[in-house]
Amino acid sequence: MFLIDPVNYYAKKKYAKKIHPGSIRGYKSLVLTYPDSQNALILLTNSSSTPRWKIAKSITKVLRQNAEW
């Protein structure tokens, strides 16, 4: 089971979200959950240099602009 630490819960701008980044050598992950809208975004990469946060922000922006979220 994958748990998100409640300490990471915060409100930024108008969207509350829970975050959980993770990594092991050569791999990185990022889980973003938005409890108010019941949406989540999970990024899994096999590169330690992938800009996870930038990618997540871009995907979230597109989904919100297209009223998918």
N, C-alpha and C. Protein backbone atom coordinates (compact mmCIF):
# COMPACT_ATOMS: atom_id res chain seq x y z
N MET A 1 0.84 -1.18 0.00
CA MET A 1 0.00 0.00 0.00
C MET A 1 0.88 1.23 0.00
N PHE A 2 0.50 2.21 -0.77
CA PHE A 2 1.25 3.45 -0.89
C PHE A 2 0.54 4.53 -0.11
N LEU A 3 1.18 5.06 0.91
CA LEU A 3 0.55 6.08 1.75
C LEU A 3 1.18 7.43 1.53
N ILE A 4 0.38 8.44 1.62
CA ILE A 4 0.89 9.80 1.51
C ILE A 4 0.90 10.42 2.89
N ASP A 5 2.03 10.93 3.27
CA ASP A 5 2.20 11.52 4.59
C ASP A 5 1.31 12.75 4.74
N PRO A 6 0.43 12.75 5.74
CA PRO A 6 -0.47 13.90 5.93
C PRO A 6 0.26 15.20 6.25
N VAL A 7 1.52 15.13 6.63
CA VAL A 7 2.29 16.34 6.90
C VAL A 7 2.49 17.13 5.62
N ASN A 8 2.49 16.45 4.46
CA ASN A 8 2.70 17.13 3.18
C ASN A 8 1.44 17.79 2.63
N TYR A 9 0.36 17.76 3.38
CA TYR A 9 -0.88 18.38 2.92
C TYR A 9 -0.78 19.88 3.09
N TYR A 10 -1.04 20.60 2.03
CA TYR A 10 -1.03 22.05 2.12
C TYR A 10 -1.90 22.65 1.03
N ALA A 11 -2.24 23.89 1.18
CA ALA A 11 -3.04 24.60 0.18
C ALA A 11 -2.15 25.61 -0.52
N LYS A 12 -2.08 25.51 -1.83
CA LYS A 12 -1.31 26.44 -2.63
C LYS A 12 -2.25 27.03 -3.66
N LYS A 13 -2.28 28.31 -3.72
CA LYS A 13 -3.24 29.02 -4.56
C LYS A 13 -4.63 28.59 -4.15
N LYS A 14 -5.43 28.04 -5.05
CA LYS A 14 -6.78 27.65 -4.66
C LYS A 14 -6.99 26.15 -4.67
N TYR A 15 -5.93 25.37 -4.91
CA TYR A 15 -6.06 23.92 -4.97
C TYR A 15 -5.29 23.27 -3.82
N ALA A 16 -5.96 22.50 -3.02
CA ALA A 16 -5.27 21.75 -1.97
C ALA A 16 -4.72 20.49 -2.62
N LYS A 17 -3.52 20.08 -2.20
CA LYS A 17 -2.96 18.85 -2.76
C LYS A 17 -2.08 18.15 -1.74
N LYS A 18 -1.93 16.86 -1.94
CA LYS A 18 -1.00 16.05 -1.17
C LYS A 18 0.09 15.62 -2.13
N ILE A 19 1.32 15.62 -1.66
CA ILE A 19 2.44 15.27 -2.53
C ILE A 19 3.27 14.15 -1.92
N HIS A 20 3.87 13.37 -2.79
CA HIS A 20 4.79 12.33 -2.34
C HIS A 20 5.80 12.02 -3.44
N PRO A 21 7.00 12.64 -3.38
CA PRO A 21 8.03 12.28 -4.34
C PRO A 21 8.80 11.06 -3.84
N GLY A 22 9.41 10.35 -4.76
CA GLY A 22 10.21 9.19 -4.36
C GLY A 22 11.26 8.89 -5.41
N SER A 23 12.28 8.15 -5.01
CA SER A 23 13.32 7.78 -5.97
C SER A 23 14.20 6.67 -5.43
N ILE A 24 14.77 5.95 -6.36
CA ILE A 24 15.88 5.05 -6.11
C ILE A 24 16.84 5.27 -7.27
N ARG A 25 18.02 4.74 -7.19
CA ARG A 25 19.03 5.03 -8.20
C ARG A 25 18.49 4.79 -9.61
N GLY A 26 18.49 5.85 -10.41
CA GLY A 26 18.07 5.75 -11.80
C GLY A 26 16.57 5.89 -12.05
N TYR A 27 15.79 5.98 -11.01
CA TYR A 27 14.34 6.07 -11.16
C TYR A 27 13.79 7.17 -10.25
N LYS A 28 12.74 7.82 -10.71
CA LYS A 28 12.07 8.83 -9.88
C LYS A 28 10.57 8.70 -10.05
N SER A 29 9.86 9.09 -9.02
CA SER A 29 8.39 9.06 -9.09
C SER A 29 7.85 10.30 -8.39
N LEU A 30 6.60 10.59 -8.70
CA LEU A 30 5.94 11.72 -8.08
C LEU A 30 4.45 11.42 -8.07
N VAL A 31 3.84 11.55 -6.91
CA VAL A 31 2.39 11.36 -6.77
C VAL A 31 1.81 12.67 -6.25
N LEU A 32 0.85 13.20 -6.99
CA LEU A 32 0.12 14.40 -6.57
C LEU A 32 -1.34 14.03 -6.48
N THR A 33 -1.96 14.30 -5.37
CA THR A 33 -3.39 14.06 -5.24
C THR A 33 -4.06 15.37 -4.86
N TYR A 34 -5.25 15.56 -5.41
CA TYR A 34 -6.04 16.74 -5.15
C TYR A 34 -7.34 16.28 -4.50
N PRO A 35 -7.38 16.23 -3.17
CA PRO A 35 -8.53 15.65 -2.45
C PRO A 35 -9.86 16.34 -2.74
N ASP A 36 -9.85 17.65 -2.90
CA ASP A 36 -11.11 18.37 -3.11
C ASP A 36 -11.79 17.98 -4.41
N SER A 37 -11.01 17.75 -5.46
CA SER A 37 -11.58 17.39 -6.76
C SER A 37 -11.50 15.89 -7.04
N GLN A 38 -10.90 15.14 -6.13
CA GLN A 38 -10.74 13.69 -6.24
C GLN A 38 -9.97 13.30 -7.51
N ASN A 39 -8.92 14.05 -7.80
CA ASN A 39 -8.04 13.76 -8.94
C ASN A 39 -6.66 13.42 -8.43
N ALA A 40 -5.90 12.73 -9.28
CA ALA A 40 -4.53 12.38 -8.93
C ALA A 40 -3.68 12.32 -10.19
N LEU A 41 -2.40 12.56 -10.01
CA LEU A 41 -1.43 12.46 -11.10
C LEU A 41 -0.25 11.67 -10.58
N ILE A 42 0.15 10.65 -11.32
CA ILE A 42 1.30 9.82 -10.92
C ILE A 42 2.29 9.82 -12.07
N LEU A 43 3.53 10.21 -11.78
CA LEU A 43 4.60 10.20 -12.77
C LEU A 43 5.64 9.17 -12.36
N LEU A 44 6.00 8.31 -13.28
CA LEU A 44 7.06 7.32 -13.07
C LEU A 44 8.08 7.50 -14.19
N THR A 45 9.34 7.66 -13.83
CA THR A 45 10.38 7.84 -14.84
C THR A 45 11.52 6.87 -14.61
N ASN A 46 12.24 6.56 -15.66
CA ASN A 46 13.42 5.72 -15.51
C ASN A 46 14.68 6.54 -15.78
N SER A 47 14.64 7.79 -15.41
CA SER A 47 15.77 8.69 -15.54
C SER A 47 15.84 9.58 -14.31
N SER A 48 17.00 9.66 -13.73
CA SER A 48 17.13 10.48 -12.52
C SER A 48 17.16 11.98 -12.82
N SER A 49 17.30 12.34 -14.10
CA SER A 49 17.37 13.76 -14.46
C SER A 49 16.06 14.32 -15.02
N THR A 50 15.00 13.55 -14.98
CA THR A 50 13.71 14.00 -15.50
C THR A 50 13.13 15.10 -14.61
N PRO A 51 12.70 16.22 -15.20
CA PRO A 51 12.11 17.31 -14.40
C PRO A 51 10.66 17.01 -14.00
N ARG A 52 10.49 16.13 -13.01
CA ARG A 52 9.16 15.67 -12.60
C ARG A 52 8.20 16.79 -12.26
N TRP A 53 8.66 17.74 -11.48
CA TRP A 53 7.77 18.81 -11.01
C TRP A 53 7.30 19.68 -12.18
N LYS A 54 8.19 19.96 -13.11
CA LYS A 54 7.84 20.77 -14.28
C LYS A 54 6.83 20.02 -15.16
N ILE A 55 7.05 18.74 -15.36
CA ILE A 55 6.13 17.92 -16.16
C ILE A 55 4.76 17.85 -15.48
N ALA A 56 4.74 17.61 -14.19
CA ALA A 56 3.48 17.52 -13.45
C ALA A 56 2.70 18.84 -13.53
N LYS A 57 3.41 19.94 -13.40
CA LYS A 57 2.76 21.25 -13.48
C LYS A 57 2.15 21.46 -14.86
N SER A 58 2.87 21.09 -15.92
CA SER A 58 2.38 21.25 -17.29
C SER A 58 1.15 20.38 -17.54
N ILE A 59 1.20 19.13 -17.12
CA ILE A 59 0.07 18.21 -17.32
C ILE A 59 -1.16 18.71 -16.56
N THR A 60 -0.97 19.11 -15.31
CA THR A 60 -2.08 19.60 -14.50
C THR A 60 -2.69 20.85 -15.14
N LYS A 61 -1.86 21.73 -15.64
CA LYS A 61 -2.35 22.96 -16.28
C LYS A 61 -3.21 22.63 -17.50
N VAL A 62 -2.75 21.72 -18.35
CA VAL A 62 -3.50 21.33 -19.54
C VAL A 62 -4.84 20.69 -19.17
N LEU A 63 -4.82 19.79 -18.19
CA LEU A 63 -6.06 19.13 -17.77
C LEU A 63 -7.08 20.13 -17.23
N ARG A 64 -6.62 21.10 -16.47
CA ARG A 64 -7.53 22.11 -15.92
C ARG A 64 -8.06 23.03 -17.02
N GLN A 65 -7.20 23.41 -17.97
CA GLN A 65 -7.63 24.30 -19.06
C GLN A 65 -8.67 23.61 -19.94
N ASN A 66 -8.56 22.32 -20.10
CA ASN A 66 -9.49 21.57 -20.94
C ASN A 66 -10.69 21.04 -20.15
N ALA A 67 -10.83 21.50 -18.94
CA ALA A 67 -11.95 21.12 -18.05
C ALA A 67 -12.03 19.62 -17.85
N GLU A 68 -10.89 18.93 -17.89
CA GLU A 68 -10.84 17.51 -17.62
C GLU A 68 -10.85 17.26 -16.11
N TRP A 69 -10.40 18.28 -15.35
CA TRP A 69 -10.35 18.17 -13.89
C TRP A 69 -11.31 19.14 -13.29
